[in-house]
Amino acid sequence: MQTLFIPGELDVQQPSLEIKKAYFAKHRQSNYSASLRLEGFKISPQEGDPHLPTRKAALEAIRHVKV
């Protein structure tokens, strides 16, 4: 099998750090759900994709618990 050599520089943009973080977060959750299914746990689609609260909502919830 031959590889194709193209002279000159290719203009390939590297993904930003935010794009990388989003990609890995998505796949981390997917892998966790898959591992639970392999272990025999029954997982609904809603449990596989949790919607986490915003930082502000989480801080408000903690403040109400501490009082």
PDB file of N, CA and C in Angstrom:
ATOM      1  N   MET A   1       0.832  -1.168   0.000  1.00  0.00           N
ATOM      2  CA  MET A   1       0.000   0.000   0.000  1.00  0.00           C
ATOM      3  C   MET A   1       0.883   1.238   0.000  1.00  0.00           C
ATOM      4  N   GLN A   2       0.656   2.138  -0.938  1.00  0.00           N
ATOM      5  CA  GLN A   2       1.456   3.349  -1.027  1.00  0.00           C
ATOM      6  C   GLN A   2       0.734   4.510  -0.358  1.00  0.00           C
ATOM      7  N   THR A   3       1.536   5.393   0.193  1.00  0.00           N
ATOM      8  CA  THR A   3       0.959   6.604   0.744  1.00  0.00           C
ATOM      9  C   THR A   3       1.151   7.727  -0.255  1.00  0.00           C
ATOM     10  N   LEU A   4       0.226   8.616  -0.285  1.00  0.00           N
ATOM     11  CA  LEU A   4       0.260   9.736  -1.210  1.00  0.00           C
ATOM     12  C   LEU A   4       0.970  10.906  -0.553  1.00  0.00           C
ATOM     13  N   PHE A   5       1.989  11.414  -1.209  1.00  0.00           N
ATOM     14  CA  PHE A   5       2.723  12.549  -0.694  1.00  0.00           C
ATOM     15  C   PHE A   5       2.316  13.788  -1.471  1.00  0.00           C
ATOM     16  N   ILE A   6       1.880  14.792  -0.742  1.00  0.00           N
ATOM     17  CA  ILE A   6       1.494  16.053  -1.364  1.00  0.00           C
ATOM     18  C   ILE A   6       2.510  17.096  -0.936  1.00  0.00           C
ATOM     19  N   PRO A   7       3.269  17.636  -1.889  1.00  0.00           N
ATOM     20  CA  PRO A   7       4.267  18.637  -1.515  1.00  0.00           C
ATOM     21  C   PRO A   7       3.608  19.922  -1.024  1.00  0.00           C
ATOM     22  N   GLY A   8       4.310  20.635  -0.174  1.00  0.00           N
ATOM     23  CA  GLY A   8       3.773  21.875   0.371  1.00  0.00           C
ATOM     24  C   GLY A   8       3.101  21.621   1.698  1.00  0.00           C
ATOM     25  N   GLU A   9       2.707  22.687   2.338  1.00  0.00           N
ATOM     26  CA  GLU A   9       2.060  22.565   3.635  1.00  0.00           C
ATOM     27  C   GLU A   9       0.552  22.482   3.478  1.00  0.00           C
ATOM     28  N   LEU A  10      -0.044  21.629   4.264  1.00  0.00           N
ATOM     29  CA  LEU A  10      -1.494  21.521   4.272  1.00  0.00           C
ATOM     30  C   LEU A  10      -2.043  22.453   5.337  1.00  0.00           C
ATOM     31  N   ASP A  11      -3.119  23.118   5.034  1.00  0.00           N
ATOM     32  CA  ASP A  11      -3.731  24.042   5.984  1.00  0.00           C
ATOM     33  C   ASP A  11      -4.822  23.298   6.749  1.00  0.00           C
ATOM     34  N   VAL A  12      -4.397  22.616   7.813  1.00  0.00           N
ATOM     35  CA  VAL A  12      -5.322  21.855   8.634  1.00  0.00           C
ATOM     36  C   VAL A  12      -5.408  22.541   9.993  1.00  0.00           C
ATOM     37  N   GLN A  13      -6.602  22.944  10.367  1.00  0.00           N
ATOM     38  CA  GLN A  13      -6.776  23.616  11.642  1.00  0.00           C
ATOM     39  C   GLN A  13      -6.915  22.579  12.749  1.00  0.00           C
ATOM     40  N   GLN A  14      -6.256  22.849  13.853  1.00  0.00           N
ATOM     41  CA  GLN A  14      -6.366  21.990  15.019  1.00  0.00           C
ATOM     42  C   GLN A  14      -7.635  22.368  15.786  1.00  0.00           C
ATOM     43  N   PRO A  15      -8.342  21.394  16.322  1.00  0.00           N
ATOM     44  CA  PRO A  15      -9.543  21.722  17.104  1.00  0.00           C
ATOM     45  C   PRO A  15      -9.167  22.488  18.368  1.00  0.00           C
ATOM     46  N   SER A  16     -10.046  23.374  18.777  1.00  0.00           N
ATOM     47  CA  SER A  16      -9.778  24.174  19.975  1.00  0.00           C
ATOM     48  C   SER A  16      -9.920  23.304  21.223  1.00  0.00           C
ATOM     49  N   LEU A  17      -9.461  23.833  22.323  1.00  0.00           N
ATOM     50  CA  LEU A  17      -9.536  23.108  23.587  1.00  0.00           C
ATOM     51  C   LEU A  17     -10.985  22.870  23.990  1.00  0.00           C
ATOM     52  N   GLU A  18     -11.850  23.844  23.759  1.00  0.00           N
ATOM     53  CA  GLU A  18     -13.268  23.694  24.106  1.00  0.00           C
ATOM     54  C   GLU A  18     -13.921  22.583  23.290  1.00  0.00           C
ATOM     55  N   ILE A  19     -13.579  22.473  22.028  1.00  0.00           N
ATOM     56  CA  ILE A  19     -14.126  21.408  21.179  1.00  0.00           C
ATOM     57  C   ILE A  19     -13.642  20.049  21.687  1.00  0.00           C
ATOM     58  N   LYS A  20     -12.383  19.977  22.075  1.00  0.00           N
ATOM     59  CA  LYS A  20     -11.843  18.721  22.599  1.00  0.00           C
ATOM     60  C   LYS A  20     -12.542  18.326  23.899  1.00  0.00           C
ATOM     61  N   LYS A  21     -12.744  19.294  24.792  1.00  0.00           N
ATOM     62  CA  LYS A  21     -13.412  19.012  26.063  1.00  0.00           C
ATOM     63  C   LYS A  21     -14.826  18.510  25.843  1.00  0.00           C
ATOM     64  N   ALA A  22     -15.549  19.154  24.930  1.00  0.00           N
ATOM     65  CA  ALA A  22     -16.925  18.741  24.644  1.00  0.00           C
ATOM     66  C   ALA A  22     -16.952  17.327  24.068  1.00  0.00           C
ATOM     67  N   TYR A  23     -16.035  17.032  23.170  1.00  0.00           N
ATOM     68  CA  TYR A  23     -15.965  15.702  22.553  1.00  0.00           C
ATOM     69  C   TYR A  23     -15.735  14.629  23.616  1.00  0.00           C
ATOM     70  N   PHE A  24     -14.757  14.845  24.487  1.00  0.00           N
ATOM     71  CA  PHE A  24     -14.446  13.835  25.493  1.00  0.00           C
ATOM     72  C   PHE A  24     -15.537  13.718  26.547  1.00  0.00           C
ATOM     73  N   ALA A  25     -16.177  14.807  26.898  1.00  0.00           N
ATOM     74  CA  ALA A  25     -17.285  14.732  27.861  1.00  0.00           C
ATOM     75  C   ALA A  25     -18.423  13.901  27.292  1.00  0.00           C
ATOM     76  N   LYS A  26     -18.735  14.106  26.031  1.00  0.00           N
ATOM     77  CA  LYS A  26     -19.808  13.352  25.376  1.00  0.00           C
ATOM     78  C   LYS A  26     -19.473  11.863  25.350  1.00  0.00           C
ATOM     79  N   HIS A  27     -18.263  11.535  24.975  1.00  0.00           N
ATOM     80  CA  HIS A  27     -17.892  10.134  24.861  1.00  0.00           C
ATOM     81  C   HIS A  27     -17.667   9.484  26.218  1.00  0.00           C
ATOM     82  N   ARG A  28     -17.261  10.259  27.208  1.00  0.00           N
ATOM     83  CA  ARG A  28     -17.110   9.709  28.554  1.00  0.00           C
ATOM     84  C   ARG A  28     -18.460   9.224  29.072  1.00  0.00           C
ATOM     85  N   GLN A  29     -19.501  10.035  28.881  1.00  0.00           N
ATOM     86  CA  GLN A  29     -20.845   9.654  29.327  1.00  0.00           C
ATOM     87  C   GLN A  29     -21.341   8.443  28.546  1.00  0.00           C
ATOM     88  N   SER A  30     -21.091   8.427  27.253  1.00  0.00           N
ATOM     89  CA  SER A  30     -21.510   7.306  26.417  1.00  0.00           C
ATOM     90  C   SER A  30     -20.817   6.017  26.856  1.00  0.00           C
ATOM     91  N   ASN A  31     -19.532   6.100  27.138  1.00  0.00           N
ATOM     92  CA  ASN A  31     -18.783   4.922  27.573  1.00  0.00           C
ATOM     93  C   ASN A  31     -19.258   4.432  28.936  1.00  0.00           C
ATOM     94  N   TYR A  32     -19.570   5.363  29.834  1.00  0.00           N
ATOM     95  CA  TYR A  32     -20.068   4.972  31.154  1.00  0.00           C
ATOM     96  C   TYR A  32     -21.400   4.240  31.030  1.00  0.00           C
ATOM     97  N   SER A  33     -22.301   4.770  30.206  1.00  0.00           N
ATOM     98  CA  SER A  33     -23.597   4.120  29.997  1.00  0.00           C
ATOM     99  C   SER A  33     -23.419   2.736  29.394  1.00  0.00           C
ATOM    100  N   ALA A  34     -22.513   2.626  28.440  1.00  0.00           N
ATOM    101  CA  ALA A  34     -22.263   1.329  27.803  1.00  0.00           C
ATOM    102  C   ALA A  34     -21.688   0.329  28.801  1.00  0.00           C
ATOM    103  N   SER A  35     -20.806   0.782  29.678  1.00  0.00           N
ATOM    104  CA  SER A  35     -20.229  -0.147  30.652  1.00  0.00           C
ATOM    105  C   SER A  35     -21.284  -0.625  31.644  1.00  0.00           C
ATOM    106  N   LEU A  36     -22.211   0.258  32.018  1.00  0.00           N
ATOM    107  CA  LEU A  36     -23.297  -0.171  32.904  1.00  0.00           C
ATOM    108  C   LEU A  36     -24.182  -1.210  32.216  1.00  0.00           C
ATOM    109  N   ARG A  37     -24.478  -0.994  30.943  1.00  0.00           N
ATOM    110  CA  ARG A  37     -25.295  -1.974  30.203  1.00  0.00           C
ATOM    111  C   ARG A  37     -24.570  -3.311  30.122  1.00  0.00           C
ATOM    112  N   LEU A  38     -23.253  -3.290  29.907  1.00  0.00           N
ATOM    113  CA  LEU A  38     -22.496  -4.540  29.841  1.00  0.00           C
ATOM    114  C   LEU A  38     -22.500  -5.281  31.177  1.00  0.00           C
ATOM    115  N   GLU A  39     -22.577  -4.561  32.264  1.00  0.00           N
ATOM    116  CA  GLU A  39     -22.619  -5.180  33.589  1.00  0.00           C
ATOM    117  C   GLU A  39     -24.008  -5.682  33.953  1.00  0.00           C
ATOM    118  N   GLY A  40     -24.993  -5.405  33.100  1.00  0.00           N
ATOM    119  CA  GLY A  40     -26.322  -5.937  33.332  1.00  0.00           C
ATOM    120  C   GLY A  40     -27.327  -4.957  33.904  1.00  0.00           C
ATOM    121  N   PHE A  41     -26.955  -3.703  34.068  1.00  0.00           N
ATOM    122  CA  PHE A  41     -27.888  -2.711  34.578  1.00  0.00           C
ATOM    123  C   PHE A  41     -28.821  -2.259  33.472  1.00  0.00           C
ATOM    124  N   LYS A  42     -30.068  -2.042  33.823  1.00  0.00           N
ATOM    125  CA  LYS A  42     -31.045  -1.535  32.872  1.00  0.00           C
ATOM    126  C   LYS A  42     -31.005  -0.012  32.931  1.00  0.00           C
ATOM    127  N   ILE A  43     -30.698   0.609  31.811  1.00  0.00           N
ATOM    128  CA  ILE A  43     -30.557   2.062  31.767  1.00  0.00           C
ATOM    129  C   ILE A  43     -31.539   2.617  30.744  1.00  0.00           C
ATOM    130  N   SER A  44     -32.319   3.601  31.195  1.00  0.00           N
ATOM    131  CA  SER A  44     -33.226   4.259  30.269  1.00  0.00           C
ATOM    132  C   SER A  44     -32.458   5.370  29.544  1.00  0.00           C
ATOM    133  N   PRO A  45     -32.938   5.814  28.393  1.00  0.00           N
ATOM    134  CA  PRO A  45     -32.252   6.898  27.680  1.00  0.00           C
ATOM    135  C   PRO A  45     -32.139   8.174  28.506  1.00  0.00           C
ATOM    136  N   GLN A  46     -33.099   8.432  29.393  1.00  0.00           N
ATOM    137  CA  GLN A  46     -33.031   9.636  30.216  1.00  0.00           C
ATOM    138  C   GLN A  46     -31.870   9.555  31.212  1.00  0.00           C
ATOM    139  N   GLU A  47     -31.602   8.352  31.726  1.00  0.00           N
ATOM    140  CA  GLU A  47     -30.498   8.196  32.669  1.00  0.00           C
ATOM    141  C   GLU A  47     -29.147   8.256  31.975  1.00  0.00           C
ATOM    142  N   GLY A  48     -29.119   7.891  30.725  1.00  0.00           N
ATOM    143  CA  GLY A  48     -27.861   7.899  29.992  1.00  0.00           C
ATOM    144  C   GLY A  48     -27.399   9.287  29.620  1.00  0.00           C
ATOM    145  N   ASP A  49     -28.299  10.265  29.625  1.00  0.00           N
ATOM    146  CA  ASP A  49     -27.951  11.632  29.244  1.00  0.00           C
ATOM    147  C   ASP A  49     -28.428  12.593  30.326  1.00  0.00           C
ATOM    148  N   PRO A  50     -27.673  12.697  31.425  1.00  0.00           N
ATOM    149  CA  PRO A  50     -28.137  13.570  32.505  1.00  0.00           C
ATOM    150  C   PRO A  50     -28.020  15.040  32.134  1.00  0.00           C
ATOM    151  N   HIS A  51     -28.987  15.809  32.563  1.00  0.00           N
ATOM    152  CA  HIS A  51     -28.936  17.255  32.364  1.00  0.00           C
ATOM    153  C   HIS A  51     -28.524  17.866  33.689  1.00  0.00           C
ATOM    154  N   LEU A  52     -27.294  18.312  33.741  1.00  0.00           N
ATOM    155  CA  LEU A  52     -26.766  18.861  34.968  1.00  0.00           C
ATOM    156  C   LEU A  52     -27.220  20.310  35.137  1.00  0.00           C
ATOM    157  N   PRO A  53     -27.410  20.748  36.369  1.00  0.00           N
ATOM    158  CA  PRO A  53     -27.821  22.134  36.593  1.00  0.00           C
ATOM    159  C   PRO A  53     -26.680  23.087  36.267  1.00  0.00           C
ATOM    160  N   THR A  54     -27.038  24.324  36.053  1.00  0.00           N
ATOM    161  CA  THR A  54     -26.013  25.331  35.829  1.00  0.00           C
ATOM    162  C   THR A  54     -25.276  25.584  37.133  1.00  0.00           C
ATOM    163  N   ARG A  55     -24.158  26.225  37.045  1.00  0.00           N
ATOM    164  CA  ARG A  55     -23.367  26.521  38.244  1.00  0.00           C
ATOM    165  C   ARG A  55     -24.182  27.364  39.219  1.00  0.00           C
ATOM    166  N   LYS A  56     -24.904  28.349  38.694  1.00  0.00           N
ATOM    167  CA  LYS A  56     -25.702  29.228  39.539  1.00  0.00           C
ATOM    168  C   LYS A  56     -26.788  28.436  40.277  1.00  0.00           C
ATOM    169  N   ALA A  57     -27.480  27.542  39.568  1.00  0.00           N
ATOM    170  CA  ALA A  57     -28.535  26.747  40.188  1.00  0.00           C
ATOM    171  C   ALA A  57     -27.966  25.804  41.255  1.00  0.00           C
ATOM    172  N   ALA A  58     -26.798  25.239  40.981  1.00  0.00           N
ATOM    173  CA  ALA A  58     -26.176  24.340  41.956  1.00  0.00           C
ATOM    174  C   ALA A  58     -25.778  25.100  43.223  1.00  0.00           C
ATOM    175  N   LEU A  59     -25.223  26.308  43.059  1.00  0.00           N
ATOM    176  CA  LEU A  59     -24.847  27.112  44.223  1.00  0.00           C
ATOM    177  C   LEU A  59     -26.072  27.513  45.046  1.00  0.00           C
ATOM    178  N   GLU A  60     -27.167  27.852  44.374  1.00  0.00           N
ATOM    179  CA  GLU A  60     -28.401  28.200  45.081  1.00  0.00           C
ATOM    180  C   GLU A  60     -28.923  27.003  45.876  1.00  0.00           C
ATOM    181  N   ALA A  61     -28.864  25.821  45.294  1.00  0.00           N
ATOM    182  CA  ALA A  61     -29.340  24.619  45.980  1.00  0.00           C
ATOM    183  C   ALA A  61     -28.490  24.325  47.219  1.00  0.00           C
ATOM    184  N   ILE A  62     -27.188  24.528  47.107  1.00  0.00           N
ATOM    185  CA  ILE A  62     -26.300  24.295  48.259  1.00  0.00           C
ATOM    186  C   ILE A  62     -26.577  25.315  49.344  1.00  0.00           C
ATOM    187  N   ARG A  63     -26.811  26.561  48.970  1.00  0.00           N
ATOM    188  CA  ARG A  63     -27.083  27.597  49.966  1.00  0.00           C
ATOM    189  C   ARG A  63     -28.347  27.297  50.736  1.00  0.00           C
ATOM    190  N   HIS A  64     -29.366  26.756  50.067  1.00  0.00           N
ATOM    191  CA  HIS A  64     -30.620  26.429  50.741  1.00  0.00           C
ATOM    192  C   HIS A  64     -30.440  25.244  51.689  1.00  0.00           C
ATOM    193  N   VAL A  65     -29.561  24.316  51.348  1.00  0.00           N
ATOM    194  CA  VAL A  65     -29.336  23.152  52.199  1.00  0.00           C
ATOM    195  C   VAL A  65     -28.548  23.558  53.444  1.00  0.00           C
ATOM    196  N   LYS A  66     -27.576  24.458  53.296  1.00  0.00           N
ATOM    197  CA  LYS A  66     -26.730  24.860  54.420  1.00  0.00           C
ATOM    198  C   LYS A  66     -27.471  25.682  55.456  1.00  0.00           C
ATOM    199  N   VAL A  67     -28.537  26.373  55.054  1.00  0.00           N
ATOM    200  CA  VAL A  67     -29.255  27.270  55.976  1.00  0.00           C
ATOM    201  C   VAL A  67     -30.094  26.515  56.940  1.00  0.00           C
TER     202      VAL A  67
END
